[in-house]
PDB file of N, CA and C in Angstrom:
ATOM      1  N   MET A   1     -21.341  20.966  -8.307  1.00  0.00           N
ATOM      2  CA  MET A   1     -20.865  20.798  -6.950  1.00  0.00           C
ATOM      3  C   MET A   1     -21.663  21.709  -6.013  1.00  0.00           C
ATOM      4  N   THR A   2     -21.999  21.197  -4.853  1.00  0.00           N
ATOM      5  CA  THR A   2     -22.779  21.947  -3.879  1.00  0.00           C
ATOM      6  C   THR A   2     -21.903  22.966  -3.177  1.00  0.00           C
ATOM      7  N   GLU A   3     -22.432  24.168  -3.033  1.00  0.00           N
ATOM      8  CA  GLU A   3     -21.705  25.218  -2.318  1.00  0.00           C
ATOM      9  C   GLU A   3     -21.579  24.838  -0.850  1.00  0.00           C
ATOM     10  N   LYS A   4     -20.424  25.099  -0.269  1.00  0.00           N
ATOM     11  CA  LYS A   4     -20.161  24.774   1.134  1.00  0.00           C
ATOM     12  C   LYS A   4     -20.068  26.052   1.957  1.00  0.00           C
ATOM     13  N   VAL A   5     -20.443  25.963   3.229  1.00  0.00           N
ATOM     14  CA  VAL A   5     -20.314  27.069   4.173  1.00  0.00           C
ATOM     15  C   VAL A   5     -19.655  26.537   5.441  1.00  0.00           C
ATOM     16  N   LYS A   6     -19.084  27.427   6.220  1.00  0.00           N
ATOM     17  CA  LYS A   6     -18.443  27.018   7.469  1.00  0.00           C
ATOM     18  C   LYS A   6     -19.420  27.132   8.623  1.00  0.00           C
ATOM     19  N   ILE A   7     -19.314  26.184   9.557  1.00  0.00           N
ATOM     20  CA  ILE A   7     -20.052  26.276  10.804  1.00  0.00           C
ATOM     21  C   ILE A   7     -19.064  25.999  11.929  1.00  0.00           C
ATOM     22  N   GLU A   8     -19.402  26.447  13.121  1.00  0.00           N
ATOM     23  CA  GLU A   8     -18.558  26.182  14.270  1.00  0.00           C
ATOM     24  C   GLU A   8     -19.293  25.254  15.226  1.00  0.00           C
ATOM     25  N   ILE A   9     -18.550  24.267  15.740  1.00  0.00           N
ATOM     26  CA  ILE A   9     -19.093  23.345  16.734  1.00  0.00           C
ATOM     27  C   ILE A   9     -18.108  23.270  17.889  1.00  0.00           C
ATOM     28  N   SER A  10     -18.573  22.782  19.011  1.00  0.00           N
ATOM     29  CA  SER A  10     -17.690  22.674  20.169  1.00  0.00           C
ATOM     30  C   SER A  10     -16.624  21.607  19.922  1.00  0.00           C
ATOM     31  N   LYS A  11     -15.512  21.738  20.579  1.00  0.00           N
ATOM     32  CA  LYS A  11     -14.422  20.763  20.485  1.00  0.00           C
ATOM     33  C   LYS A  11     -14.913  19.400  20.954  1.00  0.00           C
ATOM     34  N   GLU A  12     -15.765  19.392  21.956  1.00  0.00           N
ATOM     35  CA  GLU A  12     -16.317  18.144  22.485  1.00  0.00           C
ATOM     36  C   GLU A  12     -17.086  17.381  21.401  1.00  0.00           C
ATOM     37  N   VAL A  13     -17.919  18.088  20.648  1.00  0.00           N
ATOM     38  CA  VAL A  13     -18.685  17.458  19.572  1.00  0.00           C
ATOM     39  C   VAL A  13     -17.747  17.018  18.453  1.00  0.00           C
ATOM     40  N   TYR A  14     -16.777  17.844  18.132  1.00  0.00           N
ATOM     41  CA  TYR A  14     -15.798  17.487  17.104  1.00  0.00           C
ATOM     42  C   TYR A  14     -15.068  16.202  17.480  1.00  0.00           C
ATOM     43  N   ASP A  15     -14.637  16.109  18.727  1.00  0.00           N
ATOM     44  CA  ASP A  15     -13.943  14.906  19.201  1.00  0.00           C
ATOM     45  C   ASP A  15     -14.844  13.678  19.110  1.00  0.00           C
ATOM     46  N   LEU A  16     -16.123  13.860  19.391  1.00  0.00           N
ATOM     47  CA  LEU A  16     -17.074  12.758  19.273  1.00  0.00           C
ATOM     48  C   LEU A  16     -17.217  12.308  17.817  1.00  0.00           C
ATOM     49  N   LEU A  17     -17.229  13.263  16.904  1.00  0.00           N
ATOM     50  CA  LEU A  17     -17.283  12.934  15.482  1.00  0.00           C
ATOM     51  C   LEU A  17     -16.049  12.137  15.063  1.00  0.00           C
ATOM     52  N   VAL A  18     -14.876  12.594  15.499  1.00  0.00           N
ATOM     53  CA  VAL A  18     -13.629  11.908  15.158  1.00  0.00           C
ATOM     54  C   VAL A  18     -13.628  10.485  15.716  1.00  0.00           C
ATOM     55  N   LYS A  19     -14.077  10.321  16.939  1.00  0.00           N
ATOM     56  CA  LYS A  19     -14.158   8.993  17.564  1.00  0.00           C
ATOM     57  C   LYS A  19     -15.099   8.087  16.766  1.00  0.00           C
ATOM     58  N   THR A  20     -16.238   8.633  16.377  1.00  0.00           N
ATOM     59  CA  THR A  20     -17.220   7.861  15.614  1.00  0.00           C
ATOM     60  C   THR A  20     -16.657   7.453  14.261  1.00  0.00           C
ATOM     61  N   ILE A  21     -15.901   8.344  13.628  1.00  0.00           N
ATOM     62  CA  ILE A  21     -15.284   8.038  12.334  1.00  0.00           C
ATOM     63  C   ILE A  21     -14.315   6.869  12.482  1.00  0.00           C
ATOM     64  N   LYS A  22     -13.507   6.896  13.526  1.00  0.00           N
ATOM     65  CA  LYS A  22     -12.540   5.819  13.758  1.00  0.00           C
ATOM     66  C   LYS A  22     -13.247   4.482  13.966  1.00  0.00           C
ATOM     67  N   GLU A  23     -14.418   4.513  14.582  1.00  0.00           N
ATOM     68  CA  GLU A  23     -15.175   3.297  14.857  1.00  0.00           C
ATOM     69  C   GLU A  23     -16.045   2.864  13.675  1.00  0.00           C
ATOM     70  N   SER A  24     -16.140   3.707  12.658  1.00  0.00           N
ATOM     71  CA  SER A  24     -17.042   3.419  11.529  1.00  0.00           C
ATOM     72  C   SER A  24     -16.431   2.481  10.495  1.00  0.00           C
ATOM     73  N   GLU A  25     -15.216   2.055  10.710  1.00  0.00           N
ATOM     74  CA  GLU A  25     -14.546   1.124   9.804  1.00  0.00           C
ATOM     75  C   GLU A  25     -14.543   1.621   8.364  1.00  0.00           C
ATOM     76  N   GLY A  26     -14.236   2.905   8.186  1.00  0.00           N
ATOM     77  CA  GLY A  26     -14.096   3.468   6.847  1.00  0.00           C
ATOM     78  C   GLY A  26     -15.367   3.973   6.211  1.00  0.00           C
ATOM     79  N   GLU A  27     -16.491   3.848   6.894  1.00  0.00           N
ATOM     80  CA  GLU A  27     -17.745   4.320   6.311  1.00  0.00           C
ATOM     81  C   GLU A  27     -17.729   5.838   6.116  1.00  0.00           C
ATOM     82  N   PHE A  28     -17.104   6.539   7.055  1.00  0.00           N
ATOM     83  CA  PHE A  28     -16.976   7.995   6.963  1.00  0.00           C
ATOM     84  C   PHE A  28     -15.498   8.351   7.000  1.00  0.00           C
ATOM     85  N   LYS A  29     -15.115   9.370   6.233  1.00  0.00           N
ATOM     86  CA  LYS A  29     -13.702   9.740   6.146  1.00  0.00           C
ATOM     87  C   LYS A  29     -13.369  11.044   6.863  1.00  0.00           C
ATOM     88  N   THR A  30     -14.348  11.938   6.977  1.00  0.00           N
ATOM     89  CA  THR A  30     -14.081  13.234   7.605  1.00  0.00           C
ATOM     90  C   THR A  30     -15.223  13.600   8.556  1.00  0.00           C
ATOM     91  N   PRO A  31     -14.936  14.471   9.527  1.00  0.00           N
ATOM     92  CA  PRO A  31     -16.012  14.948  10.404  1.00  0.00           C
ATOM     93  C   PRO A  31     -17.121  15.631   9.608  1.00  0.00           C
ATOM     94  N   GLU A  32     -16.748  16.362   8.568  1.00  0.00           N
ATOM     95  CA  GLU A  32     -17.748  17.052   7.753  1.00  0.00           C
ATOM     96  C   GLU A  32     -18.691  16.056   7.078  1.00  0.00           C
ATOM     97  N   GLU A  33     -18.116  14.975   6.555  1.00  0.00           N
ATOM     98  CA  GLU A  33     -18.924  13.951   5.887  1.00  0.00           C
ATOM     99  C   GLU A  33     -19.902  13.299   6.864  1.00  0.00           C
ATOM    100  N   LEU A  34     -19.420  12.972   8.056  1.00  0.00           N
ATOM    101  CA  LEU A  34     -20.281  12.360   9.068  1.00  0.00           C
ATOM    102  C   LEU A  34     -21.359  13.336   9.527  1.00  0.00           C
ATOM    103  N   LEU A  35     -20.991  14.571   9.775  1.00  0.00           N
ATOM    104  CA  LEU A  35     -21.951  15.565  10.238  1.00  0.00           C
ATOM    105  C   LEU A  35     -23.025  15.818   9.188  1.00  0.00           C
ATOM    106  N   GLU A  36     -22.628  15.889   7.931  1.00  0.00           N
ATOM    107  CA  GLU A  36     -23.612  16.091   6.863  1.00  0.00           C
ATOM    108  C   GLU A  36     -24.578  14.903   6.801  1.00  0.00           C
ATOM    109  N   PHE A  37     -24.059  13.684   6.969  1.00  0.00           N
ATOM    110  CA  PHE A  37     -24.912  12.496   6.996  1.00  0.00           C
ATOM    111  C   PHE A  37     -25.915  12.579   8.150  1.00  0.00           C
ATOM    112  N   ILE A  38     -25.421  12.922   9.333  1.00  0.00           N
ATOM    113  CA  ILE A  38     -26.287  13.002  10.516  1.00  0.00           C
ATOM    114  C   ILE A  38     -27.387  14.043  10.309  1.00  0.00           C
ATOM    115  N   ILE A  39     -27.018  15.192   9.787  1.00  0.00           N
ATOM    116  CA  ILE A  39     -28.005  16.265   9.578  1.00  0.00           C
ATOM    117  C   ILE A  39     -29.032  15.849   8.529  1.00  0.00           C
ATOM    118  N   ARG A  40     -28.573  15.266   7.444  1.00  0.00           N
ATOM    119  CA  ARG A  40     -29.519  14.833   6.397  1.00  0.00           C
ATOM    120  C   ARG A  40     -30.472  13.751   6.921  1.00  0.00           C
ATOM    121  N   GLU A  41     -29.957  12.817   7.699  1.00  0.00           N
ATOM    122  CA  GLU A  41     -30.808  11.761   8.251  1.00  0.00           C
ATOM    123  C   GLU A  41     -31.791  12.309   9.280  1.00  0.00           C
ATOM    124  N   THR A  42     -31.365  13.277  10.049  1.00  0.00           N
ATOM    125  CA  THR A  42     -32.200  13.831  11.112  1.00  0.00           C
ATOM    126  C   THR A  42     -33.217  14.829  10.582  1.00  0.00           C
ATOM    127  N   LEU A  43     -32.791  15.692   9.692  1.00  0.00           N
ATOM    128  CA  LEU A  43     -33.648  16.779   9.230  1.00  0.00           C
ATOM    129  C   LEU A  43     -34.142  16.608   7.800  1.00  0.00           C
ATOM    130  N   GLY A  44     -33.750  15.518   7.167  1.00  0.00           N
ATOM    131  CA  GLY A  44     -34.102  15.300   5.769  1.00  0.00           C
ATOM    132  C   GLY A  44     -35.592  15.382   5.530  1.00  0.00           C
ATOM    133  N   GLU A  45     -35.945  15.808   4.347  1.00  0.00           N
ATOM    134  CA  GLU A  45     -37.351  15.977   3.993  1.00  0.00           C
ATOM    135  C   GLU A  45     -37.891  14.771   3.241  1.00  0.00           C
ATOM    136  N   GLU A  46     -37.041  13.809   2.960  1.00  0.00           N
ATOM    137  CA  GLU A  46     -37.494  12.653   2.196  1.00  0.00           C
ATOM    138  C   GLU A  46     -38.443  11.799   3.020  1.00  0.00           C
ATOM    139  N   GLU A  47     -39.529  11.414   2.402  1.00  0.00           N
ATOM    140  CA  GLU A  47     -40.475  10.510   3.045  1.00  0.00           C
ATOM    141  C   GLU A  47     -40.201   9.102   2.535  1.00  0.00           C
ATOM    142  N   ALA A  48     -40.540   8.141   3.340  1.00  0.00           N
ATOM    143  CA  ALA A  48     -40.370   6.758   2.920  1.00  0.00           C
ATOM    144  C   ALA A  48     -41.275   6.483   1.728  1.00  0.00           C
ATOM    145  N   VAL A  49     -40.749   5.826   0.739  1.00  0.00           N
ATOM    146  CA  VAL A  49     -41.516   5.467  -0.447  1.00  0.00           C
ATOM    147  C   VAL A  49     -41.660   3.956  -0.462  1.00  0.00           C
ATOM    148  N   TYR A  50     -42.900   3.508  -0.476  1.00  0.00           N
ATOM    149  CA  TYR A  50     -43.187   2.081  -0.456  1.00  0.00           C
ATOM    150  C   TYR A  50     -43.800   1.650  -1.771  1.00  0.00           C
ATOM    151  N   THR A  51     -43.513   0.440  -2.159  1.00  0.00           N
ATOM    152  CA  THR A  51     -44.165  -0.130  -3.333  1.00  0.00           C
ATOM    153  C   THR A  51     -45.613  -0.437  -2.952  1.00  0.00           C
ATOM    154  N   PRO A  52     -46.488  -0.602  -3.940  1.00  0.00           N
ATOM    155  CA  PRO A  52     -47.879  -0.959  -3.611  1.00  0.00           C
ATOM    156  C   PRO A  52     -47.971  -2.235  -2.773  1.00  0.00           C
ATOM    157  N   GLU A  53     -47.096  -3.195  -3.053  1.00  0.00           N
ATOM    158  CA  GLU A  53     -47.094  -4.442  -2.284  1.00  0.00           C
ATOM    159  C   GLU A  53     -46.703  -4.189  -0.822  1.00  0.00           C
ATOM    160  N   GLU A  54     -45.687  -3.334  -0.624  1.00  0.00           N
ATOM    161  CA  GLU A  54     -45.257  -2.999   0.739  1.00  0.00           C
ATOM    162  C   GLU A  54     -46.363  -2.263   1.486  1.00  0.00           C
ATOM    163  N   GLU A  55     -47.040  -1.347   0.792  1.00  0.00           N
ATOM    164  CA  GLU A  55     -48.141  -0.617   1.423  1.00  0.00           C
ATOM    165  C   GLU A  55     -49.253  -1.569   1.848  1.00  0.00           C
ATOM    166  N   GLU A  56     -49.566  -2.526   1.001  1.00  0.00           N
ATOM    167  CA  GLU A  56     -50.627  -3.489   1.330  1.00  0.00           C
ATOM    168  C   GLU A  56     -50.230  -4.334   2.538  1.00  0.00           C
ATOM    169  N   LYS A  57     -48.970  -4.729   2.603  1.00  0.00           N
ATOM    170  CA  LYS A  57     -48.495  -5.523   3.743  1.00  0.00           C
ATOM    171  C   LYS A  57     -48.580  -4.697   5.040  1.00  0.00           C
ATOM    172  N   ILE A  58     -48.217  -3.417   4.949  1.00  0.00           N
ATOM    173  CA  ILE A  58     -48.311  -2.531   6.116  1.00  0.00           C
ATOM    174  C   ILE A  58     -49.762  -2.408   6.565  1.00  0.00           C
ATOM    175  N   LYS A  59     -50.666  -2.224   5.602  1.00  0.00           N
ATOM    176  CA  LYS A  59     -52.090  -2.121   5.930  1.00  0.00           C
ATOM    177  C   LYS A  59     -52.603  -3.405   6.569  1.00  0.00           C
ATOM    178  N   ASP A  60     -52.175  -4.552   6.014  1.00  0.00           N
ATOM    179  CA  ASP A  60     -52.579  -5.838   6.593  1.00  0.00           C
ATOM    180  C   ASP A  60     -52.094  -5.952   8.035  1.00  0.00           C
ATOM    181  N   ASN A  61     -50.855  -5.549   8.276  1.00  0.00           N
ATOM    182  CA  ASN A  61     -50.309  -5.591   9.634  1.00  0.00           C
ATOM    183  C   ASN A  61     -51.093  -4.670  10.571  1.00  0.00           C
ATOM    184  N   LEU A  62     -51.432  -3.484  10.098  1.00  0.00           N
ATOM    185  CA  LEU A  62     -52.197  -2.543  10.922  1.00  0.00           C
ATOM    186  C   LEU A  62     -53.607  -3.078  11.194  1.00  0.00           C
ATOM    187  N   ARG A  63     -54.212  -3.719  10.180  1.00  0.00           N
ATOM    188  CA  ARG A  63     -55.533  -4.329  10.384  1.00  0.00           C
ATOM    189  C   ARG A  63     -55.460  -5.424  11.447  1.00  0.00           C
ATOM    190  N   SER A  64     -54.432  -6.262  11.352  1.00  0.00           N
ATOM    191  CA  SER A  64     -54.315  -7.372  12.316  1.00  0.00           C
ATOM    192  C   SER A  64     -54.089  -6.862  13.729  1.00  0.00           C
ATOM    193  N   LEU A  65     -53.569  -5.644  13.850  1.00  0.00           N
ATOM    194  CA  LEU A  65     -53.361  -5.049  15.176  1.00  0.00           C
ATOM    195  C   LEU A  65     -54.573  -4.235  15.634  1.00  0.00           C
ATOM    196  N   GLY A  66     -55.579  -4.123  14.752  1.00  0.00           N
ATOM    197  CA  GLY A  66     -56.793  -3.403  15.108  1.00  0.00           C
ATOM    198  C   GLY A  66     -56.742  -1.909  14.873  1.00  0.00           C
ATOM    199  N   TYR A  67     -55.746  -1.434  14.140  1.00  0.00           N
ATOM    200  CA  TYR A  67     -55.641  -0.002  13.868  1.00  0.00           C
ATOM    201  C   TYR A  67     -56.452   0.434  12.664  1.00  0.00           C
ATOM    202  N   LEU A  68     -56.773  -0.501  11.786  1.00  0.00           N
ATOM    203  CA  LEU A  68     -57.582  -0.169  10.600  1.00  0.00           C
ATOM    204  C   LEU A  68     -58.817  -1.039  10.572  1.00  0.00           C
TER     205      LEU A  68
END
């Protein structure tokens, strides 16, 4: 299990998280879960991984646009 720490956010941001959770149709259950998702998506270090076929299609598209 990952160690957790406390952070403080403004009430305004907290209320926005709660509103977003209510509108998410069950995708997120808690403000912490939503905030962790947002931070991971925004600051995540993962790079997109493409299959060789996807890479070739991207290159073809870039060639057709004159970038390669």
